[in-house]
Amino acid sequence: MNKILIIILLLVVAFLSTCKKEQAPNINETDCLIFGHFYGMCQGETCIETFMLTDDKLYEDENDPYNWWDPLHFQELANDKFELVKDLPDYFPQELLNDTNSTFGCPDCADQGGLLVMLSQNGDVKTWRIDQSKVAVPQYLHPFMDSVNVCIGLLSSE
């Protein structure tokens, strides 16, 4: 009986070791757009949402850290969710790449929330934190902010 149990256990271990989860690409090694929102005075799963969008896949951060410098750990999402947001990079404002600011307004200082945006291109990663209050940020960011918030809403309602 013990031999059968050991053989079954070995087979289960061998099977599980061959099943690898799809690892998210390294931010520094792939072109991607990371986007999300954060609300400090909030309760629930949707208070902090962070996603990584590549040319062909979408990932969600499983840790949801409030501090933008904490490590992100992404898990791949289904292709139907990728289809919902795959056009978001088309709305990325090129002016943002030339702006010397990395923080716009005072994100979440008055419990209004903030947006996190990271862009990785050819190994160069840039990060921005953007106030959700449009009066505190340049006009050129408004359409992109709207697009990010719509995408997060679509992904959170699924």
C-alpha atoms as a PDB file:
ATOM      1  CA  MET A   1       0.000   0.000   0.000  1.00  0.00           C
ATOM      2  CA  ASN A   2       2.823   2.417   0.852  1.00  0.00           C
ATOM      3  CA  LYS A   3       4.506   1.776  -2.529  1.00  0.00           C
ATOM      4  CA  ILE A   4       1.305   2.651  -4.392  1.00  0.00           C
ATOM      5  CA  LEU A   5       0.900   5.823  -2.354  1.00  0.00           C
ATOM      6  CA  ILE A   6       4.512   6.831  -3.030  1.00  0.00           C
ATOM      7  CA  ILE A   7       4.116   6.164  -6.774  1.00  0.00           C
ATOM      8  CA  ILE A   8       0.920   8.218  -6.891  1.00  0.00           C
ATOM      9  CA  LEU A   9       2.586  11.035  -4.967  1.00  0.00           C
ATOM     10  CA  LEU A  10       5.579  10.999  -7.339  1.00  0.00           C
ATOM     11  CA  LEU A  11       3.263  11.103 -10.361  1.00  0.00           C
ATOM     12  CA  VAL A  12       1.363  14.066  -8.918  1.00  0.00           C
ATOM     13  CA  VAL A  13       4.602  15.925  -8.188  1.00  0.00           C
ATOM     14  CA  ALA A  14       5.918  15.189 -11.693  1.00  0.00           C
ATOM     15  CA  PHE A  15       2.656  16.388 -13.251  1.00  0.00           C
ATOM     16  CA  LEU A  16       2.575  19.596 -11.218  1.00  0.00           C
ATOM     17  CA  SER A  17       6.194  20.396 -11.983  1.00  0.00           C
ATOM     18  CA  THR A  18       5.499  20.283 -15.722  1.00  0.00           C
ATOM     19  CA  CYS A  19       2.615  22.756 -15.423  1.00  0.00           C
ATOM     20  CA  LYS A  20       4.196  26.173 -15.422  1.00  0.00           C
ATOM     21  CA  LYS A  21       2.250  29.373 -15.043  1.00  0.00           C
ATOM     22  CA  GLU A  22       2.784  31.926 -17.773  1.00  0.00           C
ATOM     23  CA  GLN A  23       5.271  34.397 -16.351  1.00  0.00           C
ATOM     24  CA  ALA A  24       4.677  38.047 -17.049  1.00  0.00           C
ATOM     25  CA  PRO A  25       7.487  39.617 -19.027  1.00  0.00           C
ATOM     26  CA  ASN A  26      10.056  41.682 -17.173  1.00  0.00           C
ATOM     27  CA  ILE A  27       9.144  45.369 -17.363  1.00  0.00           C
ATOM     28  CA  ASN A  28      12.709  46.284 -18.293  1.00  0.00           C
ATOM     29  CA  GLU A  29      12.871  43.707 -21.085  1.00  0.00           C
ATOM     30  CA  THR A  30       9.631  44.258 -22.967  1.00  0.00           C
ATOM     31  CA  ASP A  31       7.722  47.189 -24.387  1.00  0.00           C
ATOM     32  CA  CYS A  32       4.594  47.653 -22.330  1.00  0.00           C
ATOM     33  CA  LEU A  33       2.200  50.148 -20.822  1.00  0.00           C
ATOM     34  CA  ILE A  34       1.396  49.782 -17.142  1.00  0.00           C
ATOM     35  CA  PHE A  35      -1.664  51.639 -15.938  1.00  0.00           C
ATOM     36  CA  GLY A  36      -3.730  51.707 -12.809  1.00  0.00           C
ATOM     37  CA  HIS A  37      -5.427  53.727 -10.155  1.00  0.00           C
ATOM     38  CA  PHE A  38      -5.020  54.007  -6.411  1.00  0.00           C
ATOM     39  CA  TYR A  39      -7.262  55.330  -3.650  1.00  0.00           C
ATOM     40  CA  GLY A  40      -5.936  55.400  -0.089  1.00  0.00           C
ATOM     41  CA  MET A  41      -9.138  56.050   1.827  1.00  0.00           C
ATOM     42  CA  CYS A  42     -11.043  53.192   0.268  1.00  0.00           C
ATOM     43  CA  GLN A  43     -12.041  49.648   1.080  1.00  0.00           C
ATOM     44  CA  GLY A  44     -12.310  46.706  -1.230  1.00  0.00           C
ATOM     45  CA  GLU A  45     -10.527  44.986  -4.088  1.00  0.00           C
ATOM     46  CA  THR A  46     -10.989  47.775  -6.601  1.00  0.00           C
ATOM     47  CA  CYS A  47      -9.244  50.505  -4.558  1.00  0.00           C
ATOM     48  CA  ILE A  48      -5.914  49.701  -6.171  1.00  0.00           C
ATOM     49  CA  GLU A  49      -5.817  48.207  -9.656  1.00  0.00           C
ATOM     50  CA  THR A  50      -2.710  47.881 -11.808  1.00  0.00           C
ATOM     51  CA  PHE A  51      -2.437  46.292 -15.251  1.00  0.00           C
ATOM     52  CA  MET A  52       0.360  45.644 -17.730  1.00  0.00           C
ATOM     53  CA  LEU A  53      -0.494  45.760 -21.422  1.00  0.00           C
ATOM     54  CA  THR A  54       1.878  44.370 -24.052  1.00  0.00           C
ATOM     55  CA  ASP A  55       1.300  44.078 -27.793  1.00  0.00           C
ATOM     56  CA  ASP A  56      -0.574  40.822 -27.371  1.00  0.00           C
ATOM     57  CA  LYS A  57      -1.366  40.191 -23.686  1.00  0.00           C
ATOM     58  CA  LEU A  58      -2.824  41.808 -20.608  1.00  0.00           C
ATOM     59  CA  TYR A  59      -1.698  41.129 -17.044  1.00  0.00           C
ATOM     60  CA  GLU A  60      -3.063  42.204 -13.668  1.00  0.00           C
ATOM     61  CA  ASP A  61      -0.963  42.857 -10.598  1.00  0.00           C
ATOM     62  CA  GLU A  62      -1.909  40.444  -7.853  1.00  0.00           C
ATOM     63  CA  ASN A  63      -0.375  42.450  -4.977  1.00  0.00           C
ATOM     64  CA  ASP A  64      -2.118  45.825  -5.423  1.00  0.00           C
ATOM     65  CA  PRO A  65       0.461  47.840  -3.476  1.00  0.00           C
ATOM     66  CA  TYR A  66      -0.444  51.409  -2.575  1.00  0.00           C
ATOM     67  CA  ASN A  67       3.179  52.504  -2.782  1.00  0.00           C
ATOM     68  CA  TRP A  68       4.143  52.736  -6.445  1.00  0.00           C
ATOM     69  CA  TRP A  69       7.717  51.673  -5.700  1.00  0.00           C
ATOM     70  CA  ASP A  70       6.672  48.303  -4.225  1.00  0.00           C
ATOM     71  CA  PRO A  71       7.231  45.322  -6.513  1.00  0.00           C
ATOM     72  CA  LEU A  72       4.478  44.363  -8.923  1.00  0.00           C
ATOM     73  CA  HIS A  73       3.634  40.710  -9.568  1.00  0.00           C
ATOM     74  CA  PHE A  74       1.554  40.236 -12.694  1.00  0.00           C
ATOM     75  CA  GLN A  75      -0.679  37.336 -13.704  1.00  0.00           C
ATOM     76  CA  GLU A  76      -1.905  36.920 -17.265  1.00  0.00           C
ATOM     77  CA  LEU A  77      -5.583  37.647 -17.906  1.00  0.00           C
ATOM     78  CA  ALA A  78      -7.860  36.087 -20.502  1.00  0.00           C
ATOM     79  CA  ASN A  79      -7.705  37.293 -24.092  1.00  0.00           C
ATOM     80  CA  ASP A  80     -11.231  38.766 -23.928  1.00  0.00           C
ATOM     81  CA  LYS A  81      -9.972  41.253 -21.314  1.00  0.00           C
ATOM     82  CA  PHE A  82      -6.985  42.096 -23.522  1.00  0.00           C
ATOM     83  CA  GLU A  83      -9.419  42.842 -26.351  1.00  0.00           C
ATOM     84  CA  LEU A  84     -11.244  45.374 -24.147  1.00  0.00           C
ATOM     85  CA  VAL A  85      -8.149  47.545 -23.624  1.00  0.00           C
ATOM     86  CA  LYS A  86      -5.715  46.735 -26.441  1.00  0.00           C
ATOM     87  CA  ASP A  87      -6.150  50.197 -28.011  1.00  0.00           C
ATOM     88  CA  LEU A  88      -5.197  52.156 -24.872  1.00  0.00           C
ATOM     89  CA  PRO A  89      -1.634  52.891 -26.112  1.00  0.00           C
ATOM     90  CA  ASP A  90      -3.202  54.775 -29.046  1.00  0.00           C
ATOM     91  CA  TYR A  91      -4.373  57.395 -26.519  1.00  0.00           C
ATOM     92  CA  PHE A  92      -0.992  57.814 -24.822  1.00  0.00           C
ATOM     93  CA  PRO A  93      -0.037  61.500 -25.150  1.00  0.00           C
ATOM     94  CA  GLN A  94       3.391  61.933 -26.731  1.00  0.00           C
ATOM     95  CA  GLU A  95       3.733  65.228 -24.846  1.00  0.00           C
ATOM     96  CA  LEU A  96       4.105  63.199 -21.674  1.00  0.00           C
ATOM     97  CA  LEU A  97       7.407  61.788 -22.919  1.00  0.00           C
ATOM     98  CA  ASN A  98       8.842  65.306 -23.202  1.00  0.00           C
ATOM     99  CA  ASP A  99       7.448  66.580 -19.903  1.00  0.00           C
ATOM    100  CA  THR A 100      10.036  66.771 -17.124  1.00  0.00           C
ATOM    101  CA  ASN A 101       7.461  66.104 -14.398  1.00  0.00           C
ATOM    102  CA  SER A 102       6.886  62.621 -13.046  1.00  0.00           C
ATOM    103  CA  THR A 103       4.061  63.690 -10.733  1.00  0.00           C
ATOM    104  CA  PHE A 104       1.115  65.820 -11.798  1.00  0.00           C
ATOM    105  CA  GLY A 105      -0.970  67.507  -9.142  1.00  0.00           C
ATOM    106  CA  CYS A 106      -1.043  65.831  -5.758  1.00  0.00           C
ATOM    107  CA  PRO A 107      -2.351  62.310  -6.411  1.00  0.00           C
ATOM    108  CA  ASP A 108      -4.643  61.102  -3.618  1.00  0.00           C
ATOM    109  CA  CYS A 109      -3.628  63.905  -1.231  1.00  0.00           C
ATOM    110  CA  ALA A 110      -7.295  64.814  -0.702  1.00  0.00           C
ATOM    111  CA  ASP A 111      -8.649  61.274  -1.153  1.00  0.00           C
ATOM    112  CA  GLN A 112      -9.430  61.953  -4.815  1.00  0.00           C
ATOM    113  CA  GLY A 113      -7.208  59.111  -5.984  1.00  0.00           C
ATOM    114  CA  GLY A 114      -4.449  58.976  -8.489  1.00  0.00           C
ATOM    115  CA  LEU A 115      -3.338  57.221 -11.637  1.00  0.00           C
ATOM    116  CA  LEU A 116      -0.130  55.255 -12.054  1.00  0.00           C
ATOM    117  CA  VAL A 117       1.302  55.129 -15.579  1.00  0.00           C
ATOM    118  CA  MET A 118       4.533  53.415 -16.572  1.00  0.00           C
ATOM    119  CA  LEU A 119       5.857  53.119 -20.091  1.00  0.00           C
ATOM    120  CA  SER A 120       8.629  50.722 -21.037  1.00  0.00           C
ATOM    121  CA  GLN A 121      10.222  51.206 -24.442  1.00  0.00           C
ATOM    122  CA  ASN A 122      13.485  49.551 -25.473  1.00  0.00           C
ATOM    123  CA  GLY A 123      14.470  48.946 -21.845  1.00  0.00           C
ATOM    124  CA  ASP A 124      13.779  52.541 -20.786  1.00  0.00           C
ATOM    125  CA  VAL A 125      11.048  52.702 -18.126  1.00  0.00           C
ATOM    126  CA  LYS A 126       9.335  55.981 -17.267  1.00  0.00           C
ATOM    127  CA  THR A 127       6.857  56.382 -14.422  1.00  0.00           C
ATOM    128  CA  TRP A 128       4.208  59.004 -13.754  1.00  0.00           C
ATOM    129  CA  ARG A 129       1.715  59.572 -10.970  1.00  0.00           C
ATOM    130  CA  ILE A 130      -1.261  61.675 -12.018  1.00  0.00           C
ATOM    131  CA  ASP A 131      -3.873  63.371  -9.852  1.00  0.00           C
ATOM    132  CA  GLN A 132      -7.432  62.268 -10.648  1.00  0.00           C
ATOM    133  CA  SER A 133      -8.526  65.896 -10.327  1.00  0.00           C
ATOM    134  CA  LYS A 134      -8.233  67.346 -13.823  1.00  0.00           C
ATOM    135  CA  VAL A 135      -7.823  70.918 -12.578  1.00  0.00           C
ATOM    136  CA  ALA A 136      -4.432  69.875 -11.183  1.00  0.00           C
ATOM    137  CA  VAL A 137      -3.000  68.406 -14.388  1.00  0.00           C
ATOM    138  CA  PRO A 138      -2.229  69.707 -17.884  1.00  0.00           C
ATOM    139  CA  GLN A 139      -5.065  69.685 -20.416  1.00  0.00           C
ATOM    140  CA  TYR A 140      -3.185  67.341 -22.760  1.00  0.00           C
ATOM    141  CA  LEU A 141      -3.493  64.542 -20.163  1.00  0.00           C
ATOM    142  CA  HIS A 142      -7.292  64.715 -19.830  1.00  0.00           C
ATOM    143  CA  PRO A 143      -8.268  62.427 -22.764  1.00  0.00           C
ATOM    144  CA  PHE A 144      -5.674  59.842 -21.707  1.00  0.00           C
ATOM    145  CA  MET A 145      -6.858  59.982 -18.087  1.00  0.00           C
ATOM    146  CA  ASP A 146     -10.411  59.368 -19.287  1.00  0.00           C
ATOM    147  CA  SER A 147      -9.260  56.413 -21.401  1.00  0.00           C
ATOM    148  CA  VAL A 148      -7.312  54.872 -18.519  1.00  0.00           C
ATOM    149  CA  ASN A 149     -10.274  55.220 -16.174  1.00  0.00           C
ATOM    150  CA  VAL A 150     -12.653  53.711 -18.742  1.00  0.00           C
ATOM    151  CA  CYS A 151     -10.305  50.754 -19.279  1.00  0.00           C
ATOM    152  CA  ILE A 152      -9.963  50.129 -15.549  1.00  0.00           C
ATOM    153  CA  GLY A 153     -13.747  50.326 -15.212  1.00  0.00           C
ATOM    154  CA  LEU A 154     -14.232  47.789 -18.000  1.00  0.00           C
ATOM    155  CA  LEU A 155     -11.714  45.400 -16.482  1.00  0.00           C
ATOM    156  CA  SER A 156     -13.068  45.797 -12.945  1.00  0.00           C
ATOM    157  CA  SER A 157     -16.678  45.171 -13.972  1.00  0.00           C
ATOM    158  CA  GLU A 158     -15.901  41.903 -15.736  1.00  0.00           C
END
